[in-house]
Protein backbone atom coordinates (compact mmCIF):
# COMPACT_ATOMS: atom_id res chain seq x y z
CA MET A 1 -6.98 -11.07 15.67
CA ARG A 2 -7.25 -14.75 14.85
CA LYS A 3 -10.07 -15.56 12.42
CA ILE A 4 -11.63 -19.04 12.48
CA LEU A 5 -14.04 -19.97 9.69
CA VAL A 6 -16.59 -22.76 10.24
CA ILE A 7 -17.88 -23.78 6.83
CA ASN A 8 -19.42 -26.52 4.70
CA SER A 9 -21.49 -26.03 1.57
CA LYS A 10 -23.84 -28.80 2.73
CA GLY A 11 -26.53 -27.77 5.19
CA GLY A 12 -27.21 -29.72 8.36
CA SER A 13 -23.58 -30.30 9.29
CA GLY A 14 -23.83 -28.49 12.62
CA LYS A 15 -21.82 -25.40 11.67
CA THR A 16 -23.65 -23.10 14.07
CA THR A 17 -23.34 -25.49 17.01
CA LEU A 18 -19.60 -25.70 16.43
CA ALA A 19 -19.18 -21.94 15.85
CA THR A 20 -21.09 -21.00 19.00
CA ASN A 21 -19.14 -23.47 21.11
CA LEU A 22 -15.85 -22.09 19.85
CA ALA A 23 -16.99 -18.53 20.53
CA SER A 24 -18.18 -19.37 24.04
CA TYR A 25 -14.94 -21.24 24.75
CA TYR A 26 -12.76 -18.23 23.96
CA ALA A 27 -15.09 -15.80 25.73
CA TYR A 28 -15.20 -18.05 28.80
CA HIS A 29 -11.41 -17.90 28.98
CA GLY A 30 -11.40 -14.12 28.92
CA GLN A 31 -10.53 -13.45 25.28
CA ALA A 32 -12.30 -10.64 23.43
CA THR A 33 -14.49 -12.64 21.05
CA ALA A 34 -16.76 -11.83 18.12
CA LEU A 35 -19.15 -14.10 16.23
CA MET A 36 -19.95 -13.22 12.61
CA ASP A 37 -23.03 -14.85 11.10
CA TYR A 38 -23.26 -15.08 7.30
CA ASP A 39 -26.21 -17.48 7.37
CA PRO A 40 -29.56 -15.87 6.36
CA GLN A 41 -31.28 -17.99 9.02
CA GLY A 42 -29.31 -16.05 11.64
CA SER A 43 -29.02 -18.97 14.04
CA SER A 44 -25.82 -17.67 15.63
CA MET A 45 -27.40 -14.27 16.22
CA GLN A 46 -30.45 -15.92 17.78
CA TRP A 47 -28.11 -17.86 20.07
CA LEU A 48 -26.47 -14.61 21.16
CA LYS A 49 -29.88 -13.13 22.03
CA LEU A 50 -30.43 -16.03 24.42
CA ARG A 51 -27.02 -15.63 26.08
CA PRO A 52 -27.32 -14.95 29.84
CA PRO A 53 -26.01 -11.52 30.88
CA TYR A 54 -23.78 -13.00 33.59
CA LEU A 55 -21.60 -14.78 31.01
CA ASN A 56 -18.65 -13.09 29.27
CA GLN A 57 -19.81 -10.96 26.37
CA ILE A 58 -19.53 -12.07 22.73
CA HIS A 59 -19.92 -9.40 20.06
CA GLY A 60 -22.37 -10.33 17.31
CA ALA A 61 -21.87 -9.27 13.69
CA ASP A 62 -24.75 -9.97 11.31
CA ALA A 63 -23.25 -10.44 7.85
CA SER A 64 -26.28 -12.12 6.27
CA ARG A 65 -27.89 -10.72 3.12
CA ARG A 66 -31.05 -8.69 3.50
CA LYS A 67 -33.72 -7.30 1.16
CA GLY A 68 -32.33 -6.36 -2.20
CA ASN A 69 -29.34 -8.63 -1.65
CA VAL A 70 -27.57 -5.81 0.23
CA ILE A 71 -25.32 -6.57 3.16
CA ARG A 72 -25.93 -4.30 6.15
CA SER A 73 -22.26 -3.50 6.55
CA TRP A 74 -22.72 -1.48 9.74
CA GLN A 75 -23.58 -4.72 11.53
CA MET A 76 -20.29 -6.31 10.43
CA VAL A 77 -18.01 -3.95 12.35
CA ILE A 78 -15.72 -5.88 14.64
CA PRO A 79 -14.70 -4.05 17.84
CA HIS A 80 -11.12 -2.88 18.19
CA GLY A 81 -9.12 -5.28 20.32
CA THR A 82 -11.03 -8.41 19.30
CA GLN A 83 -8.77 -11.44 19.76
CA LYS A 84 -10.91 -14.19 18.25
CA LEU A 85 -13.36 -13.88 15.37
CA ILE A 86 -15.51 -16.95 14.69
CA ILE A 87 -17.21 -16.88 11.28
CA ASP A 88 -20.36 -18.98 10.79
CA ALA A 89 -20.67 -19.46 7.02
CA PRO A 90 -23.92 -20.14 5.13
CA ALA A 91 -24.76 -23.37 3.34
CA GLY A 92 -24.25 -23.40 -0.41
CA VAL A 93 -21.49 -20.80 -0.35
CA ASP A 94 -19.46 -20.51 -3.56
CA GLY A 95 -17.94 -18.02 -5.99
CA ILE A 96 -16.87 -14.59 -4.79
CA LEU A 97 -18.26 -15.06 -1.27
CA LEU A 98 -16.30 -18.29 -0.86
CA GLN A 99 -13.13 -16.48 -1.93
CA GLU A 100 -13.89 -13.65 0.50
CA LEU A 101 -14.40 -16.01 3.42
CA VAL A 102 -11.23 -17.96 2.69
CA GLN A 103 -9.26 -14.73 2.44
CA ARG A 104 -10.58 -13.64 5.85
CA ALA A 105 -9.69 -16.88 7.63
CA ASP A 106 -6.56 -17.94 9.46
CA SER A 107 -8.01 -21.40 10.14
CA ILE A 108 -10.87 -23.27 8.48
CA VAL A 109 -12.87 -26.00 10.21
CA ILE A 110 -15.23 -28.17 8.15
CA PRO A 111 -17.81 -30.17 10.12
CA VAL A 112 -19.23 -33.20 8.30
CA ALA A 113 -22.47 -34.99 9.20
CA PRO A 114 -22.49 -38.81 9.11
CA SER A 115 -24.27 -39.63 5.86
CA PRO A 116 -22.93 -40.74 2.46
CA VAL A 117 -24.55 -37.69 0.84
CA ASP A 118 -22.89 -35.29 3.29
CA ILE A 119 -19.51 -36.98 2.99
CA HIS A 120 -19.59 -36.94 -0.82
CA ALA A 121 -20.71 -33.28 -0.86
CA THR A 122 -17.91 -32.36 1.54
CA SER A 123 -15.29 -33.99 -0.67
CA ASP A 124 -16.54 -31.91 -3.60
CA PHE A 125 -16.58 -28.78 -1.44
CA ILE A 126 -12.96 -29.30 -0.39
CA LYS A 127 -12.04 -29.47 -4.06
CA ASP A 128 -13.83 -26.11 -4.52
CA LEU A 129 -11.79 -24.67 -1.66
CA PHE A 130 -8.65 -25.45 -3.58
CA LEU A 131 -9.95 -24.39 -7.00
CA ILE A 132 -12.26 -21.45 -6.20
CA GLY A 133 -11.15 -20.45 -2.74
CA LYS A 134 -7.47 -20.83 -3.69
CA ILE A 135 -6.76 -22.02 -0.18
CA ARG A 136 -3.19 -23.07 -0.96
CA SER A 137 -2.21 -19.57 -2.07
CA HIS A 138 -3.56 -18.11 1.18
CA LYS A 139 -1.70 -20.72 3.28
CA THR A 140 -4.79 -21.21 5.45
CA ASP A 141 -4.91 -24.06 7.96
CA LEU A 142 -7.68 -26.54 7.16
CA ALA A 143 -9.12 -29.41 9.15
CA VAL A 144 -12.22 -31.62 9.14
CA ILE A 145 -14.26 -32.99 12.04
CA ALA A 146 -17.04 -35.57 12.17
CA ASN A 147 -20.08 -33.82 13.64
CA ARG A 148 -23.56 -34.78 14.86
CA VAL A 149 -22.51 -38.43 15.02
CA ARG A 150 -24.69 -41.13 16.56
CA GLY A 151 -22.67 -44.27 17.28
CA TYR A 152 -19.50 -45.40 15.53
CA GLY A 153 -18.61 -47.13 12.31
CA THR A 154 -16.49 -47.03 9.17
CA LEU A 155 -18.65 -44.49 7.33
CA TYR A 156 -15.91 -41.83 7.37
CA GLU A 157 -13.10 -44.08 6.11
CA PRO A 158 -13.39 -43.03 2.41
CA LEU A 159 -13.35 -39.36 3.45
CA LYS A 160 -10.32 -39.94 5.67
CA ARG A 161 -8.44 -41.52 2.78
CA PHE A 162 -9.34 -38.57 0.57
CA LEU A 163 -8.14 -36.13 3.24
CA ASP A 164 -4.91 -38.10 3.72
CA SER A 165 -4.19 -37.70 0.01
CA LEU A 166 -4.38 -33.91 0.48
CA ALA A 167 -2.58 -33.88 3.84
CA ILE A 168 -5.70 -32.48 5.55
CA PRO A 169 -6.14 -33.61 9.17
CA PHE A 170 -9.29 -35.33 10.42
CA ILE A 171 -9.35 -33.95 13.95
CA THR A 172 -12.11 -35.43 16.07
CA THR A 173 -15.57 -36.98 16.25
CA ILE A 174 -18.31 -35.03 18.02
CA THR A 175 -21.43 -36.93 18.97
CA ASP A 176 -24.94 -35.50 18.64
CA THR A 177 -25.94 -35.22 22.31
CA ASP A 178 -28.73 -33.50 24.22
CA ASN A 179 -26.14 -31.32 25.95
CA PHE A 180 -25.32 -29.53 22.69
CA ILE A 181 -29.03 -28.98 22.06
CA ASP A 182 -29.51 -27.71 25.61
CA ALA A 183 -26.55 -25.33 25.29
CA MET A 184 -27.91 -23.88 22.03
CA GLY A 185 -31.28 -23.22 23.64
CA LYS A 186 -29.65 -21.34 26.53
CA GLY A 187 -27.18 -19.20 24.59
CA MET A 188 -24.30 -21.07 26.19
CA GLY A 189 -21.41 -23.32 25.22
CA ILE A 190 -20.45 -26.71 26.58
CA VAL A 191 -17.54 -25.21 28.52
CA GLU A 192 -19.99 -22.94 30.39
CA MET A 193 -22.18 -25.82 31.56
CA ASP A 194 -21.81 -28.31 34.40
CA PHE A 195 -18.45 -30.05 34.16
CA GLU A 196 -19.54 -33.58 35.08
CA GLN A 197 -22.58 -33.42 32.82
CA THR A 198 -20.55 -32.31 29.79
CA LEU A 199 -17.42 -34.43 30.25
CA THR A 200 -17.97 -36.41 27.03
CA GLU A 201 -18.51 -33.26 24.95
CA ARG A 202 -15.42 -31.57 26.43
CA MET A 203 -13.24 -34.57 25.56
CA ALA A 204 -14.56 -34.53 21.99
CA LEU A 205 -13.92 -30.79 21.52
CA GLN A 206 -10.46 -30.76 23.06
CA PRO A 207 -8.55 -32.09 19.99
CA LEU A 208 -10.03 -29.24 17.93
CA ILE A 209 -9.00 -26.68 20.55
CA ASP A 210 -5.50 -28.14 20.53
CA TRP A 211 -5.33 -28.06 16.73
CA LEU A 212 -6.36 -24.43 16.67
CA GLY A 213 -3.36 -23.78 18.84
CA ASP A 214 -5.02 -21.54 21.41
CA ALA A 215 -5.03 -23.59 24.58
CA GLU A 216 -2.71 -22.02 27.13
CA LYS A 217 -1.20 -25.44 27.96
CA LYS A 218 -1.52 -24.97 31.71
CA GLY A 219 -1.33 -28.37 33.34
CA GLY A 220 -1.15 -30.15 29.98
CA LYS A 221 -3.26 -30.12 26.82
CA ILE A 222 -6.55 -30.56 28.67
CA ALA A 223 -6.18 -27.65 31.09
CA GLU A 224 -8.56 -25.30 29.26
CA LEU A 225 -11.65 -27.49 28.91
CA PHE A 226 -10.91 -29.48 32.06
CA PRO A 227 -10.50 -27.90 35.51
CA ALA A 228 -6.97 -28.11 36.94
CA LYS A 229 -8.09 -30.34 39.79
CA THR A 230 -9.17 -33.07 37.36
CA ALA A 231 -6.51 -32.63 34.66
CA ALA A 232 -4.18 -35.25 36.12
CA VAL A 233 -6.83 -37.95 35.80
CA TYR A 234 -6.69 -38.01 32.01
C-alpha cells in the first residue's frame, strides 16, 4: 500500500481539494483507494458522502479527534488490499501527531496558497518536518505545489529558492477554478468530469501524478489523465 500525505500547517491551502482529487484519480483508474481524514472539520468525509454511487468506491477513514480528545480508532481501519491511501492532514499539526503522519507516509505533498503569509508559514513548516518530523531519517519523498492560484507572478520565487537549497522539488501550479469547486460539491474529482471542460485542471495535475510515480505510462506521461485518442496532441 502506497501512502500519500497531503499536509500543510497553514489552513486554507487547499489540502482537501488536492487529497480528494488524488483519491478520485486512483479510484477512477481501478486501484483500491482509501481516504483518511484527520481534519476535525471532516471535509474529506463530507465529500465522500456526496460521491455518486456509480463511481468507483473510495473507502473513508475518519481519523479526526472527537469528544474527550479520543480518536475513534474503529473508523481508521483500512481495508485489506488497499493500494493507495491518501491522508488529509489537519491544519496546525505538530508534535507527536506530525511525527506519526510522517512515519505513515511514503510521499508527502505540501500545497501552498499564493500569499506572503502562507509562503512564509510553509517555509517554517518544512523546517519542522526536518526537525520534528525527522523526514530525512524516514527517507520520505517530499514535494511542494502552488495551489489555489489566481494569475501568475513571481510571488513563489523566494519559496522556490528555499526549496532548491533543500533539494525539494516544486512540482506544479494549480489554479483556483470553478471546476475544482464544482467537483468538491459533487463528490467527484477532475478526472471524473467532462474531459474538454477540465483540460486545464488535468494539465496542472499531471506533473504531480508523474512525480508520485503511479501513472501507468501508456501512450506517454499524459495517458492517465488524458484519453488515448488525444494523447498525441500534447
